[in-house]
Protein backbone atom coordinates (compact mmCIF):
# COMPACT_ATOMS: atom_id res chain seq x y z
CA MET A 1 -20.24 83.62 62.24
CA SER A 2 -16.75 85.10 62.25
CA ARG A 3 -15.94 88.52 63.65
CA LEU A 4 -13.54 91.03 62.16
CA THR A 5 -12.21 94.21 63.71
CA ILE A 6 -11.10 96.90 61.27
CA ASN A 7 -9.78 100.42 61.58
CA LEU A 8 -11.49 102.95 59.33
CA SER A 9 -10.49 106.50 58.59
CA HIS A 10 -12.99 109.11 59.71
CA GLU A 11 -13.91 109.77 56.07
CA ILE A 12 -14.65 106.11 55.28
CA ASP A 13 -16.55 105.66 58.55
CA GLN A 14 -18.69 108.72 57.72
CA LYS A 15 -19.42 107.45 54.21
CA LEU A 16 -20.34 104.05 55.62
CA THR A 17 -22.65 105.68 58.16
CA ASP A 18 -24.29 107.82 55.46
CA ILE A 19 -24.85 104.81 53.18
CA ALA A 20 -26.30 102.76 56.02
CA ASN A 21 -28.63 105.59 57.07
CA ARG A 22 -29.86 106.24 53.51
CA ASN A 23 -30.66 102.56 53.07
CA GLY A 24 -32.11 101.93 56.53
CA ILE A 25 -29.53 99.27 57.38
CA THR A 26 -26.77 98.86 59.93
CA LYS A 27 -23.16 99.65 59.18
CA ALA A 28 -22.43 95.93 59.53
CA GLU A 29 -25.02 95.13 56.85
CA ALA A 30 -23.56 97.84 54.60
CA MET A 31 -20.13 96.21 55.01
CA ARG A 32 -21.58 92.78 54.15
CA LYS A 33 -23.10 94.25 51.00
CA ALA A 34 -19.79 95.90 50.12
CA PHE A 35 -18.01 92.58 50.51
CA ALA A 36 -20.61 90.86 48.32
CA LEU A 37 -19.99 93.49 45.62
CA LEU A 38 -16.22 92.97 45.94
CA ALA A 39 -16.71 89.20 45.59
CA VAL A 40 -18.74 89.72 42.38
CA ALA A 41 -16.09 92.07 40.97
CA ASP A 42 -13.32 89.60 41.81
CA SER A 43 -15.22 86.71 40.22
CA LEU A 44 -15.76 88.72 37.05
CA LYS A 45 -12.10 89.75 36.97
CA GLN A 46 -10.99 86.11 37.26
CA ARG A 47 -13.00 85.36 34.10
CA GLY A 48 -11.52 88.28 32.18
CA ASN A 49 -14.53 90.57 32.63
CA SER A 50 -15.11 93.78 34.55
CA LEU A 51 -17.85 95.37 36.61
CA GLY A 52 -19.75 98.16 34.88
CA ILE A 53 -22.31 100.77 35.80
CA VAL A 54 -25.38 100.97 33.59
CA ARG A 55 -28.68 102.80 33.49
CA GLU A 56 -31.88 101.95 31.72
CA ASN A 57 -32.39 104.12 28.66
CA GLY A 58 -35.95 105.47 28.72
CA ASN A 59 -38.89 103.49 27.42
CA GLU A 60 -36.70 101.40 25.15
CA HIS A 61 -35.62 99.24 28.11
CA ARG A 62 -32.06 99.29 26.84
CA LEU A 63 -29.06 99.40 29.11
CA GLU A 64 -26.57 102.19 28.56
CA VAL A 65 -23.05 101.90 30.00
CA VAL A 66 -22.22 104.99 32.03
CA GLY A 67 -19.08 103.86 33.82
CA SER A 68 -16.88 101.07 35.02
CA VAL A 69 -15.52 100.06 38.40
CA ILE A 70 -11.73 99.97 38.42
CA GLY A 71 -9.21 99.11 41.06
CA LEU A 72 -11.04 96.13 42.55
C-alpha cells in the first residue's frame, strides 16, 4: 500500500475529523471514501455525465434530483 503525506488547512482537517467521527471511521478511511467518490465523478465526467444528488420521494420510491456536484 502506498503512503501519501498531504497538508490540510485547519478547516478541511476539522471537516474531515467531523465526518470521520459521525461515521465511526478513521480519517484515513474517510479520505479513501472521498477518493472513491472523486474516481466515480471523474469516470462519469469522462463519459459526458455528471454526479447528482437525489433523494427518494416518499412512498412512490421515485428519485428526485435535489442537486449536482460541480467542480470535480
